């Protein structure tokens, strides 16, 4: 039997961390793919960059903090995390303080990143 080719997946996360369940779903789906040895990379754009703010307290909202989940990404083999540099600047997100190391990309590099993946998951 021929083994299927491994397809690269980029999860594009555009939603704020606690406004809906989409932010958590994006991370959960990415972890599930990675658990089955599927290569996954993450891209935070727009309101999604707010997930990268340090020291978030979601207890008042009755939700779990996503920072711990983001910090666990390398344990699942998700090593590449990117962020739209323009969105990070607009929201004044200090990537040095982020719960996960994220590489900022300008518009040209973002377009190239989107083209190089076989599958795009939008959240």
PDB file of N, CA and C in Angstrom:
ATOM      1  N   UNK A   1       0.838  -1.165   0.000  1.00  0.00           N
ATOM      2  CA  UNK A   1       0.000   0.000   0.000  1.00  0.00           C
ATOM      3  C   UNK A   1       0.894   1.242   0.000  1.00  0.00           C
ATOM      4  N   UNK A   2       0.514   2.227  -0.765  1.00  0.00           N
ATOM      5  CA  UNK A   2       1.267   3.468  -0.859  1.00  0.00           C
ATOM      6  C   UNK A   2       0.849   4.394   0.271  1.00  0.00           C
ATOM      7  N   UNK A   3       1.838   4.920   0.972  1.00  0.00           N
ATOM      8  CA  UNK A   3       1.569   5.869   2.047  1.00  0.00           C
ATOM      9  C   UNK A   3       1.159   7.206   1.447  1.00  0.00           C
ATOM     10  N   UNK A   4       0.114   7.852   1.982  1.00  0.00           N
ATOM     11  CA  UNK A   4      -0.257   9.172   1.478  1.00  0.00           C
ATOM     12  C   UNK A   4       0.812  10.195   1.850  1.00  0.00           C
ATOM     13  N   UNK A   5       1.007  11.148   0.962  1.00  0.00           N
ATOM     14  CA  UNK A   5       1.989  12.198   1.226  1.00  0.00           C
ATOM     15  C   UNK A   5       1.522  13.046   2.405  1.00  0.00           C
ATOM     16  N   UNK A   6       2.460  13.442   3.229  1.00  0.00           N
ATOM     17  CA  UNK A   6       2.140  14.310   4.348  1.00  0.00           C
ATOM     18  C   UNK A   6       1.871  15.708   3.819  1.00  0.00           C
ATOM     19  N   UNK A   7       0.765  16.269   4.235  1.00  0.00           N
ATOM     20  CA  UNK A   7       0.374  17.590   3.764  1.00  0.00           C
ATOM     21  C   UNK A   7       0.625  18.604   4.866  1.00  0.00           C
ATOM     22  N   UNK A   8       1.165  19.723   4.490  1.00  0.00           N
ATOM     23  CA  UNK A   8       1.423  20.773   5.475  1.00  0.00           C
ATOM     24  C   UNK A   8       0.162  21.602   5.674  1.00  0.00           C
ATOM     25  N   UNK A   9      -0.102  21.950   6.922  1.00  0.00           N
ATOM     26  CA  UNK A   9      -1.301  22.699   7.285  1.00  0.00           C
ATOM     27  C   UNK A   9      -0.909  23.979   7.993  1.00  0.00           C
ATOM     28  N   UNK A  10      -1.576  25.061   7.617  1.00  0.00           N
ATOM     29  CA  UNK A  10      -1.409  26.342   8.293  1.00  0.00           C
ATOM     30  C   UNK A  10      -2.761  26.730   8.874  1.00  0.00           C
ATOM     31  N   UNK A  11      -2.812  26.867  10.190  1.00  0.00           N
ATOM     32  CA  UNK A  11      -4.028  27.330  10.860  1.00  0.00           C
ATOM     33  C   UNK A  11      -3.934  28.841  10.990  1.00  0.00           C
ATOM     34  N   UNK A  12      -4.868  29.537  10.363  1.00  0.00           N
ATOM     35  CA  UNK A  12      -4.904  30.999  10.382  1.00  0.00           C
ATOM     36  C   UNK A  12      -5.928  31.418  11.430  1.00  0.00           C
ATOM     37  N   UNK A  13      -5.435  32.045  12.482  1.00  0.00           N
ATOM     38  CA  UNK A  13      -6.269  32.382  13.636  1.00  0.00           C
ATOM     39  C   UNK A  13      -6.512  33.887  13.648  1.00  0.00           C
ATOM     40  N   UNK A  14      -7.780  34.279  13.494  1.00  0.00           N
ATOM     41  CA  UNK A  14      -8.146  35.689  13.370  1.00  0.00           C
ATOM     42  C   UNK A  14      -9.071  36.186  14.473  1.00  0.00           C
ATOM     43  N   UNK A  15      -9.399  35.351  15.435  1.00  0.00           N
ATOM     44  CA  UNK A  15     -10.368  35.745  16.455  1.00  0.00           C
ATOM     45  C   UNK A  15      -9.702  36.014  17.798  1.00  0.00           C
ATOM     46  N   UNK A  16     -10.250  36.994  18.506  1.00  0.00           N
ATOM     47  CA  UNK A  16      -9.771  37.341  19.841  1.00  0.00           C
ATOM     48  C   UNK A  16      -9.921  36.133  20.767  1.00  0.00           C
ATOM     49  N   UNK A  17      -9.130  36.080  21.816  1.00  0.00           N
ATOM     50  CA  UNK A  17      -9.085  34.871  22.634  1.00  0.00           C
ATOM     51  C   UNK A  17     -10.372  34.487  23.353  1.00  0.00           C
ATOM     52  N   UNK A  18     -11.175  35.422  23.802  1.00  0.00           N
ATOM     53  CA  UNK A  18     -12.283  35.039  24.659  1.00  0.00           C
ATOM     54  C   UNK A  18     -13.646  35.532  24.173  1.00  0.00           C
ATOM     55  N   UNK A  19     -13.715  36.071  22.971  1.00  0.00           N
ATOM     56  CA  UNK A  19     -14.985  36.556  22.444  1.00  0.00           C
ATOM     57  C   UNK A  19     -15.898  35.451  21.950  1.00  0.00           C
ATOM     58  N   UNK A  20     -15.316  34.331  21.572  1.00  0.00           N
ATOM     59  CA  UNK A  20     -16.084  33.174  21.103  1.00  0.00           C
ATOM     60  C   UNK A  20     -15.241  31.928  21.342  1.00  0.00           C
ATOM     61  N   UNK A  21     -15.781  30.798  20.960  1.00  0.00           N
ATOM     62  CA  UNK A  21     -15.045  29.544  21.140  1.00  0.00           C
ATOM     63  C   UNK A  21     -14.078  29.276  19.988  1.00  0.00           C
ATOM     64  N   UNK A  22     -14.066  30.135  18.969  1.00  0.00           N
ATOM     65  CA  UNK A  22     -13.223  29.884  17.800  1.00  0.00           C
ATOM     66  C   UNK A  22     -11.733  29.920  18.117  1.00  0.00           C
ATOM     67  N   UNK A  23     -11.325  30.779  19.016  1.00  0.00           N
ATOM     68  CA  UNK A  23      -9.905  30.852  19.367  1.00  0.00           C
ATOM     69  C   UNK A  23      -9.441  29.532  19.982  1.00  0.00           C
ATOM     70  N   UNK A  24     -10.206  29.019  20.912  1.00  0.00           N
ATOM     71  CA  UNK A  24      -9.862  27.743  21.558  1.00  0.00           C
ATOM     72  C   UNK A  24      -9.939  26.596  20.547  1.00  0.00           C
ATOM     73  N   UNK A  25     -10.956  26.632  19.683  1.00  0.00           N
ATOM     74  CA  UNK A  25     -11.116  25.578  18.675  1.00  0.00           C
ATOM     75  C   UNK A  25      -9.920  25.527  17.737  1.00  0.00           C
ATOM     76  N   UNK A  26      -9.398  26.684  17.365  1.00  0.00           N
ATOM     77  CA  UNK A  26      -8.244  26.733  16.469  1.00  0.00           C
ATOM     78  C   UNK A  26      -7.044  26.022  17.078  1.00  0.00           C
ATOM     79  N   UNK A  27      -6.801  26.278  18.345  1.00  0.00           N
ATOM     80  CA  UNK A  27      -5.672  25.638  19.029  1.00  0.00           C
ATOM     81  C   UNK A  27      -5.938  24.143  19.175  1.00  0.00           C
ATOM     82  N   UNK A  28      -7.161  23.769  19.565  1.00  0.00           N
ATOM     83  CA  UNK A  28      -7.500  22.358  19.740  1.00  0.00           C
ATOM     84  C   UNK A  28      -7.346  21.565  18.442  1.00  0.00           C
ATOM     85  N   UNK A  29      -7.829  22.112  17.333  1.00  0.00           N
ATOM     86  CA  UNK A  29      -7.714  21.425  16.042  1.00  0.00           C
ATOM     87  C   UNK A  29      -6.249  21.295  15.640  1.00  0.00           C
ATOM     88  N   UNK A  30      -5.481  22.325  15.890  1.00  0.00           N
ATOM     89  CA  UNK A  30      -4.053  22.275  15.562  1.00  0.00           C
ATOM     90  C   UNK A  30      -3.338  21.210  16.381  1.00  0.00           C
ATOM     91  N   UNK A  31      -3.652  21.134  17.671  1.00  0.00           N
ATOM     92  CA  UNK A  31      -3.036  20.114  18.532  1.00  0.00           C
ATOM     93  C   UNK A  31      -3.455  18.712  18.108  1.00  0.00           C
ATOM     94  N   UNK A  32      -4.705  18.557  17.718  1.00  0.00           N
ATOM     95  CA  UNK A  32      -5.180  17.243  17.271  1.00  0.00           C
ATOM     96  C   UNK A  32      -4.453  16.809  16.002  1.00  0.00           C
ATOM     97  N   UNK A  33      -4.282  17.715  15.062  1.00  0.00           N
ATOM     98  CA  UNK A  33      -3.540  17.388  13.839  1.00  0.00           C
ATOM     99  C   UNK A  33      -2.104  17.004  14.175  1.00  0.00           C
ATOM    100  N   UNK A  34      -1.479  17.784  15.034  1.00  0.00           N
ATOM    101  CA  UNK A  34      -0.090  17.519  15.401  1.00  0.00           C
ATOM    102  C   UNK A  34       0.046  16.186  16.130  1.00  0.00           C
ATOM    103  N   UNK A  35      -0.953  15.829  16.938  1.00  0.00           N
ATOM    104  CA  UNK A  35      -0.915  14.558  17.665  1.00  0.00           C
ATOM    105  C   UNK A  35      -0.900  13.369  16.714  1.00  0.00           C
ATOM    106  N   UNK A  36      -1.420  13.562  15.504  1.00  0.00           N
ATOM    107  CA  UNK A  36      -1.409  12.501  14.491  1.00  0.00           C
ATOM    108  C   UNK A  36      -0.283  12.712  13.479  1.00  0.00           C
ATOM    109  N   UNK A  37       0.781  13.375  13.933  1.00  0.00           N
ATOM    110  CA  UNK A  37       1.995  13.592  13.141  1.00  0.00           C
ATOM    111  C   UNK A  37       1.759  14.343  11.833  1.00  0.00           C
ATOM    112  N   UNK A  38       0.763  15.207  11.828  1.00  0.00           N
ATOM    113  CA  UNK A  38       0.544  16.075  10.675  1.00  0.00           C
ATOM    114  C   UNK A  38       1.281  17.384  10.933  1.00  0.00           C
ATOM    115  N   UNK A  39       2.101  17.829   9.994  1.00  0.00           N
ATOM    116  CA  UNK A  39       2.820  19.087  10.214  1.00  0.00           C
ATOM    117  C   UNK A  39       1.847  20.266  10.241  1.00  0.00           C
ATOM    118  N   UNK A  40       1.902  21.030  11.326  1.00  0.00           N
ATOM    119  CA  UNK A  40       1.003  22.160  11.518  1.00  0.00           C
ATOM    120  C   UNK A  40       1.820  23.381  11.912  1.00  0.00           C
ATOM    121  N   UNK A  41       1.467  24.496  11.317  1.00  0.00           N
ATOM    122  CA  UNK A  41       2.027  25.786  11.700  1.00  0.00           C
ATOM    123  C   UNK A  41       0.862  26.717  11.979  1.00  0.00           C
ATOM    124  N   UNK A  42       1.088  27.734  12.820  1.00  0.00           N
ATOM    125  CA  UNK A  42       0.034  28.676  13.179  1.00  0.00           C
ATOM    126  C   UNK A  42       0.384  30.070  12.695  1.00  0.00           C
ATOM    127  N   UNK A  43      -0.651  30.810  12.301  1.00  0.00           N
ATOM    128  CA  UNK A  43      -0.508  32.210  11.921  1.00  0.00           C
ATOM    129  C   UNK A  43      -1.587  33.005  12.633  1.00  0.00           C
ATOM    130  N   UNK A  44      -1.172  33.961  13.462  1.00  0.00           N
ATOM    131  CA  UNK A  44      -2.102  34.842  14.158  1.00  0.00           C
ATOM    132  C   UNK A  44      -2.203  36.139  13.369  1.00  0.00           C
ATOM    133  N   UNK A  45      -3.448  36.515  13.040  1.00  0.00           N
ATOM    134  CA  UNK A  45      -3.698  37.730  12.267  1.00  0.00           C
ATOM    135  C   UNK A  45      -4.855  38.504  12.892  1.00  0.00           C
ATOM    136  N   UNK A  46      -4.959  39.779  12.560  1.00  0.00           N
ATOM    137  CA  UNK A  46      -6.089  40.582  13.031  1.00  0.00           C
ATOM    138  C   UNK A  46      -6.251  40.483  14.531  1.00  0.00           C
ATOM    139  N   UNK A  47      -7.509  40.313  14.969  1.00  0.00           N
ATOM    140  CA  UNK A  47      -7.799  40.199  16.402  1.00  0.00           C
ATOM    141  C   UNK A  47      -7.137  38.976  17.034  1.00  0.00           C
ATOM    142  N   UNK A  48      -6.759  38.004  16.223  1.00  0.00           N
ATOM    143  CA  UNK A  48      -6.112  36.800  16.735  1.00  0.00           C
ATOM    144  C   UNK A  48      -4.803  37.061  17.458  1.00  0.00           C
ATOM    145  N   UNK A  49      -4.128  38.160  17.129  1.00  0.00           N
ATOM    146  CA  UNK A  49      -2.861  38.461  17.797  1.00  0.00           C
ATOM    147  C   UNK A  49      -3.064  38.737  19.284  1.00  0.00           C
ATOM    148  N   UNK A  50      -4.291  39.050  19.682  1.00  0.00           N
ATOM    149  CA  UNK A  50      -4.572  39.300  21.104  1.00  0.00           C
ATOM    150  C   UNK A  50      -4.360  38.051  21.948  1.00  0.00           C
ATOM    151  N   UNK A  51      -4.362  36.885  21.310  1.00  0.00           N
ATOM    152  CA  UNK A  51      -4.072  35.646  22.040  1.00  0.00           C
ATOM    153  C   UNK A  51      -2.636  35.616  22.535  1.00  0.00           C
ATOM    154  N   UNK A  52      -1.788  36.425  21.938  1.00  0.00           N
ATOM    155  CA  UNK A  52      -0.369  36.427  22.281  1.00  0.00           C
ATOM    156  C   UNK A  52      -0.013  37.415  23.388  1.00  0.00           C
ATOM    157  N   UNK A  53      -1.016  38.114  23.919  1.00  0.00           N
ATOM    158  CA  UNK A  53      -0.750  39.029  25.032  1.00  0.00           C
ATOM    159  C   UNK A  53      -0.402  38.229  26.283  1.00  0.00           C
ATOM    160  N   UNK A  54       0.602  38.674  27.030  1.00  0.00           N
ATOM    161  CA  UNK A  54       0.986  37.950  28.242  1.00  0.00           C
ATOM    162  C   UNK A  54       0.015  38.224  29.397  1.00  0.00           C
ATOM    163  N   UNK A  55       0.037  37.369  30.376  1.00  0.00           N
ATOM    164  CA  UNK A  55      -0.669  37.547  31.653  1.00  0.00           C
ATOM    165  C   UNK A  55      -2.155  37.843  31.486  1.00  0.00           C
ATOM    166  N   UNK A  56      -2.818  37.079  30.658  1.00  0.00           N
ATOM    167  CA  UNK A  56      -4.262  37.240  30.519  1.00  0.00           C
ATOM    168  C   UNK A  56      -4.959  36.511  31.659  1.00  0.00           C
ATOM    169  N   UNK A  57      -6.038  37.102  32.156  1.00  0.00           N
ATOM    170  CA  UNK A  57      -6.805  36.487  33.232  1.00  0.00           C
ATOM    171  C   UNK A  57      -8.225  36.264  32.736  1.00  0.00           C
ATOM    172  N   UNK A  58      -8.523  35.045  32.349  1.00  0.00           N
ATOM    173  CA  UNK A  58      -9.836  34.716  31.808  1.00  0.00           C
ATOM    174  C   UNK A  58     -10.795  34.199  32.873  1.00  0.00           C
ATOM    175  N   UNK A  59     -10.350  34.114  34.105  1.00  0.00           N
ATOM    176  CA  UNK A  59     -11.189  33.573  35.173  1.00  0.00           C
ATOM    177  C   UNK A  59     -12.462  34.382  35.348  1.00  0.00           C
ATOM    178  N   UNK A  60     -12.385  35.694  35.220  1.00  0.00           N
ATOM    179  CA  UNK A  60     -13.568  36.544  35.378  1.00  0.00           C
ATOM    180  C   UNK A  60     -14.618  36.237  34.318  1.00  0.00           C
ATOM    181  N   UNK A  61     -14.187  35.693  33.183  1.00  0.00           N
ATOM    182  CA  UNK A  61     -15.102  35.337  32.105  1.00  0.00           C
ATOM    183  C   UNK A  61     -15.584  33.890  32.210  1.00  0.00           C
ATOM    184  N   UNK A  62     -15.049  33.174  33.200  1.00  0.00           N
ATOM    185  CA  UNK A  62     -15.412  31.766  33.356  1.00  0.00           C
ATOM    186  C   UNK A  62     -14.768  30.875  32.308  1.00  0.00           C
ATOM    187  N   UNK A  63     -13.635  31.297  31.786  1.00  0.00           N
ATOM    188  CA  UNK A  63     -12.934  30.524  30.754  1.00  0.00           C
ATOM    189  C   UNK A  63     -11.530  30.199  31.234  1.00  0.00           C
ATOM    190  N   UNK A  64     -10.948  29.185  30.591  1.00  0.00           N
ATOM    191  CA  UNK A  64      -9.561  28.826  30.900  1.00  0.00           C
ATOM    192  C   UNK A  64      -8.633  29.719  30.103  1.00  0.00           C
ATOM    193  N   UNK A  65      -7.506  30.018  30.697  1.00  0.00           N
ATOM    194  CA  UNK A  65      -6.494  30.847  30.069  1.00  0.00           C
ATOM    195  C   UNK A  65      -5.853  30.089  28.913  1.00  0.00           C
ATOM    196  N   UNK A  66      -5.789  30.713  27.750  1.00  0.00           N
ATOM    197  CA  UNK A  66      -5.197  30.070  26.575  1.00  0.00           C
ATOM    198  C   UNK A  66      -3.665  30.076  26.596  1.00  0.00           C
ATOM    199  N   UNK A  67      -3.064  30.885  27.462  1.00  0.00           N
ATOM    200  CA  UNK A  67      -1.602  30.987  27.483  1.00  0.00           C
ATOM    201  C   UNK A  67      -0.940  29.645  27.761  1.00  0.00           C
ATOM    202  N   UNK A  68      -1.500  28.869  28.678  1.00  0.00           N
ATOM    203  CA  UNK A  68      -0.924  27.553  28.989  1.00  0.00           C
ATOM    204  C   UNK A  68      -1.012  26.626  27.779  1.00  0.00           C
ATOM    205  N   UNK A  69      -2.129  26.701  27.094  1.00  0.00           N
ATOM    206  CA  UNK A  69      -2.314  25.881  25.901  1.00  0.00           C
ATOM    207  C   UNK A  69      -1.314  26.277  24.822  1.00  0.00           C
ATOM    208  N   UNK A  70      -1.126  27.576  24.638  1.00  0.00           N
ATOM    209  CA  UNK A  70      -0.161  28.054  23.649  1.00  0.00           C
ATOM    210  C   UNK A  70       1.261  27.650  24.028  1.00  0.00           C
ATOM    211  N   UNK A  71       1.570  27.710  25.300  1.00  0.00           N
ATOM    212  CA  UNK A  71       2.912  27.336  25.754  1.00  0.00           C
ATOM    213  C   UNK A  71       3.195  25.853  25.517  1.00  0.00           C
ATOM    214  N   UNK A  72       2.141  25.035  25.395  1.00  0.00           N
ATOM    215  CA  UNK A  72       2.330  23.599  25.179  1.00  0.00           C
ATOM    216  C   UNK A  72       2.514  23.230  23.704  1.00  0.00           C
ATOM    217  N   UNK A  73       2.388  24.160  22.795  1.00  0.00           N
ATOM    218  CA  UNK A  73       2.501  23.843  21.367  1.00  0.00           C
ATOM    219  C   UNK A  73       3.772  23.063  21.023  1.00  0.00           C
ATOM    220  N   UNK A  74       4.954  23.461  21.510  1.00  0.00           N
ATOM    221  CA  UNK A  74       6.168  22.695  21.167  1.00  0.00           C
ATOM    222  C   UNK A  74       6.128  21.244  21.634  1.00  0.00           C
ATOM    223  N   UNK A  75       5.402  20.961  22.709  1.00  0.00           N
ATOM    224  CA  UNK A  75       5.292  19.584  23.187  1.00  0.00           C
ATOM    225  C   UNK A  75       4.573  18.691  22.176  1.00  0.00           C
ATOM    226  N   UNK A  76       3.756  19.300  21.332  1.00  0.00           N
ATOM    227  CA  UNK A  76       3.025  18.574  20.298  1.00  0.00           C
ATOM    228  C   UNK A  76       3.726  18.641  18.945  1.00  0.00           C
ATOM    229  N   UNK A  77       4.883  19.255  18.910  1.00  0.00           N
ATOM    230  CA  UNK A  77       5.631  19.346  17.662  1.00  0.00           C
ATOM    231  C   UNK A  77       5.265  20.544  16.809  1.00  0.00           C
ATOM    232  N   UNK A  78       4.513  21.471  17.352  1.00  0.00           N
ATOM    233  CA  UNK A  78       4.185  22.699  16.614  1.00  0.00           C
ATOM    234  C   UNK A  78       5.257  23.720  16.955  1.00  0.00           C
ATOM    235  N   UNK A  79       6.226  23.812  16.074  1.00  0.00           N
ATOM    236  CA  UNK A  79       7.389  24.655  16.322  1.00  0.00           C
ATOM    237  C   UNK A  79       7.291  26.019  15.646  1.00  0.00           C
ATOM    238  N   UNK A  80       6.540  26.094  14.553  1.00  0.00           N
ATOM    239  CA  UNK A  80       6.484  27.339  13.780  1.00  0.00           C
ATOM    240  C   UNK A  80       5.187  28.087  14.059  1.00  0.00           C
ATOM    241  N   UNK A  81       5.332  29.246  14.669  1.00  0.00           N
ATOM    242  CA  UNK A  81       4.205  30.129  14.954  1.00  0.00           C
ATOM    243  C   UNK A  81       4.562  31.489  14.382  1.00  0.00           C
ATOM    244  N   UNK A  82       3.646  32.025  13.593  1.00  0.00           N
ATOM    245  CA  UNK A  82       3.871  33.309  12.932  1.00  0.00           C
ATOM    246  C   UNK A  82       2.805  34.299  13.362  1.00  0.00           C
ATOM    247  N   UNK A  83       3.122  35.559  13.199  1.00  0.00           N
ATOM    248  CA  UNK A  83       2.178  36.624  13.527  1.00  0.00           C
ATOM    249  C   UNK A  83       2.276  37.713  12.469  1.00  0.00           C
ATOM    250  N   UNK A  84       1.132  38.250  12.105  1.00  0.00           N
ATOM    251  CA  UNK A  84       1.078  39.384  11.191  1.00  0.00           C
ATOM    252  C   UNK A  84       1.678  40.580  11.927  1.00  0.00           C
ATOM    253  N   UNK A  85       2.816  41.060  11.449  1.00  0.00           N
ATOM    254  CA  UNK A  85       3.539  42.137  12.122  1.00  0.00           C
ATOM    255  C   UNK A  85       2.693  43.407  12.217  1.00  0.00           C
ATOM    256  N   UNK A  86       1.902  43.688  11.189  1.00  0.00           N
ATOM    257  CA  UNK A  86       1.059  44.887  11.201  1.00  0.00           C
ATOM    258  C   UNK A  86       0.002  44.800  12.303  1.00  0.00           C
ATOM    259  N   UNK A  87      -0.626  43.638  12.446  1.00  0.00           N
ATOM    260  CA  UNK A  87      -1.639  43.452  13.494  1.00  0.00           C
ATOM    261  C   UNK A  87      -1.005  43.533  14.880  1.00  0.00           C
ATOM    262  N   UNK A  88       0.155  42.930  15.030  1.00  0.00           N
ATOM    263  CA  UNK A  88       0.846  42.980  16.328  1.00  0.00           C
ATOM    264  C   UNK A  88       1.179  44.419  16.706  1.00  0.00           C
ATOM    265  N   UNK A  89       1.611  45.207  15.734  1.00  0.00           N
ATOM    266  CA  UNK A  89       1.935  46.612  15.995  1.00  0.00           C
ATOM    267  C   UNK A  89       0.663  47.403  16.326  1.00  0.00           C
ATOM    268  N   UNK A  90      -0.414  47.145  15.583  1.00  0.00           N
ATOM    269  CA  UNK A  90      -1.677  47.868  15.811  1.00  0.00           C
ATOM    270  C   UNK A  90      -2.194  47.636  17.228  1.00  0.00           C
ATOM    271  N   UNK A  91      -2.092  46.398  17.719  1.00  0.00           N
ATOM    272  CA  UNK A  91      -2.576  46.068  19.059  1.00  0.00           C
ATOM    273  C   UNK A  91      -1.488  46.199  20.127  1.00  0.00           C
ATOM    274  N   UNK A  92      -0.302  46.619  19.715  1.00  0.00           N
ATOM    275  CA  UNK A  92       0.835  46.808  20.627  1.00  0.00           C
ATOM    276  C   UNK A  92       1.154  45.536  21.414  1.00  0.00           C
ATOM    277  N   UNK A  93       1.206  44.429  20.691  1.00  0.00           N
ATOM    278  CA  UNK A  93       1.554  43.146  21.295  1.00  0.00           C
ATOM    279  C   UNK A  93       3.070  43.020  21.328  1.00  0.00           C
ATOM    280  N   UNK A  94       3.623  42.880  22.518  1.00  0.00           N
ATOM    281  CA  UNK A  94       5.057  42.695  22.687  1.00  0.00           C
ATOM    282  C   UNK A  94       5.357  41.200  22.531  1.00  0.00           C
ATOM    283  N   UNK A  95       5.858  40.822  21.379  1.00  0.00           N
ATOM    284  CA  UNK A  95       6.090  39.402  21.091  1.00  0.00           C
ATOM    285  C   UNK A  95       7.147  38.784  21.994  1.00  0.00           C
ATOM    286  N   UNK A  96       8.012  39.601  22.565  1.00  0.00           N
ATOM    287  CA  UNK A  96       9.013  39.079  23.495  1.00  0.00           C
ATOM    288  C   UNK A  96       8.354  38.555  24.776  1.00  0.00           C
ATOM    289  N   UNK A  97       7.145  39.033  25.082  1.00  0.00           N
ATOM    290  CA  UNK A  97       6.426  38.613  26.284  1.00  0.00           C
ATOM    291  C   UNK A  97       5.344  37.571  25.996  1.00  0.00           C
ATOM    292  N   UNK A  98       5.207  37.157  24.750  1.00  0.00           N
ATOM    293  CA  UNK A  98       4.167  36.218  24.332  1.00  0.00           C
ATOM    294  C   UNK A  98       4.358  34.849  24.992  1.00  0.00           C
ATOM    295  N   UNK A  99       3.261  34.121  25.247  1.00  0.00           N
ATOM    296  CA  UNK A  99       3.388  32.784  25.842  1.00  0.00           C
ATOM    297  C   UNK A  99       4.020  31.760  24.902  1.00  0.00           C
ATOM    298  N   UNK A 100       4.148  32.098  23.631  1.00  0.00           N
ATOM    299  CA  UNK A 100       4.780  31.217  22.651  1.00  0.00           C
ATOM    300  C   UNK A 100       5.632  32.082  21.722  1.00  0.00           C
ATOM    301  N   UNK A 101       6.772  31.572  21.314  1.00  0.00           N
ATOM    302  CA  UNK A 101       7.635  32.327  20.403  1.00  0.00           C
ATOM    303  C   UNK A 101       6.955  32.435  19.039  1.00  0.00           C
ATOM    304  N   UNK A 102       6.780  33.653  18.563  1.00  0.00           N
ATOM    305  CA  UNK A 102       6.110  33.887  17.283  1.00  0.00           C
ATOM    306  C   UNK A 102       6.985  34.783  16.409  1.00  0.00           C
ATOM    307  N   UNK A 103       7.087  34.414  15.152  1.00  0.00           N
ATOM    308  CA  UNK A 103       7.896  35.156  14.190  1.00  0.00           C
ATOM    309  C   UNK A 103       7.001  36.173  13.488  1.00  0.00           C
ATOM    310  N   UNK A 104       7.332  37.468  13.598  1.00  0.00           N
ATOM    311  CA  UNK A 104       6.525  38.474  12.901  1.00  0.00           C
ATOM    312  C   UNK A 104       6.837  38.478  11.404  1.00  0.00           C
ATOM    313  N   UNK A 105       5.777  38.586  10.590  1.00  0.00           N
ATOM    314  CA  UNK A 105       5.938  38.607   9.138  1.00  0.00           C
ATOM    315  C   UNK A 105       5.247  39.830   8.547  1.00  0.00           C
ATOM    316  N   UNK A 106       5.918  40.451   7.600  1.00  0.00           N
ATOM    317  CA  UNK A 106       5.324  41.563   6.856  1.00  0.00           C
ATOM    318  C   UNK A 106       4.444  40.995   5.749  1.00  0.00           C
ATOM    319  N   UNK A 107       3.711  41.850   5.051  1.00  0.00           N
ATOM    320  CA  UNK A 107       2.702  41.434   4.069  1.00  0.00           C
ATOM    321  C   UNK A 107       3.247  40.494   2.993  1.00  0.00           C
ATOM    322  N   UNK A 108       4.403  40.786   2.434  1.00  0.00           N
ATOM    323  CA  UNK A 108       4.956  39.943   1.367  1.00  0.00           C
ATOM    324  C   UNK A 108       5.265  38.534   1.888  1.00  0.00           C
ATOM    325  N   UNK A 109       5.857  38.462   3.053  1.00  0.00           N
ATOM    326  CA  UNK A 109       6.187  37.165   3.642  1.00  0.00           C
ATOM    327  C   UNK A 109       4.912  36.405   4.037  1.00  0.00           C
ATOM    328  N   UNK A 110       3.872  37.131   4.454  1.00  0.00           N
ATOM    329  CA  UNK A 110       2.600  36.484   4.778  1.00  0.00           C
ATOM    330  C   UNK A 110       1.997  35.811   3.556  1.00  0.00           C
ATOM    331  N   UNK A 111       2.001  36.510   2.433  1.00  0.00           N
ATOM    332  CA  UNK A 111       1.453  35.932   1.202  1.00  0.00           C
ATOM    333  C   UNK A 111       2.233  34.685   0.797  1.00  0.00           C
ATOM    334  N   UNK A 112       3.547  34.735   0.923  1.00  0.00           N
ATOM    335  CA  UNK A 112       4.378  33.571   0.584  1.00  0.00           C
ATOM    336  C   UNK A 112       4.071  32.399   1.519  1.00  0.00           C
ATOM    337  N   UNK A 113       3.890  32.679   2.800  1.00  0.00           N
ATOM    338  CA  UNK A 113       3.569  31.637   3.775  1.00  0.00           C
ATOM    339  C   UNK A 113       2.246  30.958   3.421  1.00  0.00           C
ATOM    340  N   UNK A 114       1.248  31.733   3.065  1.00  0.00           N
ATOM    341  CA  UNK A 114      -0.056  31.178   2.707  1.00  0.00           C
ATOM    342  C   UNK A 114       0.034  30.299   1.465  1.00  0.00           C
ATOM    343  N   UNK A 115       0.861  30.679   0.509  1.00  0.00           N
ATOM    344  CA  UNK A 115       1.003  29.908  -0.731  1.00  0.00           C
ATOM    345  C   UNK A 115       1.753  28.597  -0.537  1.00  0.00           C
ATOM    346  N   UNK A 116       2.649  28.529   0.426  1.00  0.00           N
ATOM    347  CA  UNK A 116       3.506  27.344   0.546  1.00  0.00           C
ATOM    348  C   UNK A 116       2.857  26.177   1.284  1.00  0.00           C
ATOM    349  N   UNK A 117       1.678  26.359   1.855  1.00  0.00           N
ATOM    350  CA  UNK A 117       1.018  25.272   2.561  1.00  0.00           C
ATOM    351  C   UNK A 117      -0.035  24.593   1.701  1.00  0.00           C
ATOM    352  N   UNK A 118      -0.169  23.282   1.893  1.00  0.00           N
ATOM    353  CA  UNK A 118      -1.151  22.492   1.147  1.00  0.00           C
ATOM    354  C   UNK A 118      -2.572  22.763   1.621  1.00  0.00           C
ATOM    355  N   UNK A 119      -2.721  22.972   2.928  1.00  0.00           N
ATOM    356  CA  UNK A 119      -4.042  23.161   3.522  1.00  0.00           C
ATOM    357  C   UNK A 119      -4.040  24.403   4.403  1.00  0.00           C
ATOM    358  N   UNK A 120      -5.105  25.180   4.305  1.00  0.00           N
ATOM    359  CA  UNK A 120      -5.297  26.330   5.171  1.00  0.00           C
ATOM    360  C   UNK A 120      -6.551  26.110   5.999  1.00  0.00           C
ATOM    361  N   UNK A 121      -6.433  26.280   7.286  1.00  0.00           N
ATOM    362  CA  UNK A 121      -7.584  26.205   8.183  1.00  0.00           C
ATOM    363  C   UNK A 121      -7.830  27.607   8.723  1.00  0.00           C
ATOM    364  N   UNK A 122      -8.999  28.137   8.486  1.00  0.00           N
ATOM    365  CA  UNK A 122      -9.304  29.486   8.951  1.00  0.00           C
ATOM    366  C   UNK A 122     -10.214  29.477  10.151  1.00  0.00           C
ATOM    367  N   UNK A 123      -9.842  30.261  11.159  1.00  0.00           N
ATOM    368  CA  UNK A 123     -10.636  30.364  12.386  1.00  0.00           C
ATOM    369  C   UNK A 123     -10.849  31.815  12.712  1.00  0.00           C
TER     370      UNK A 123
END
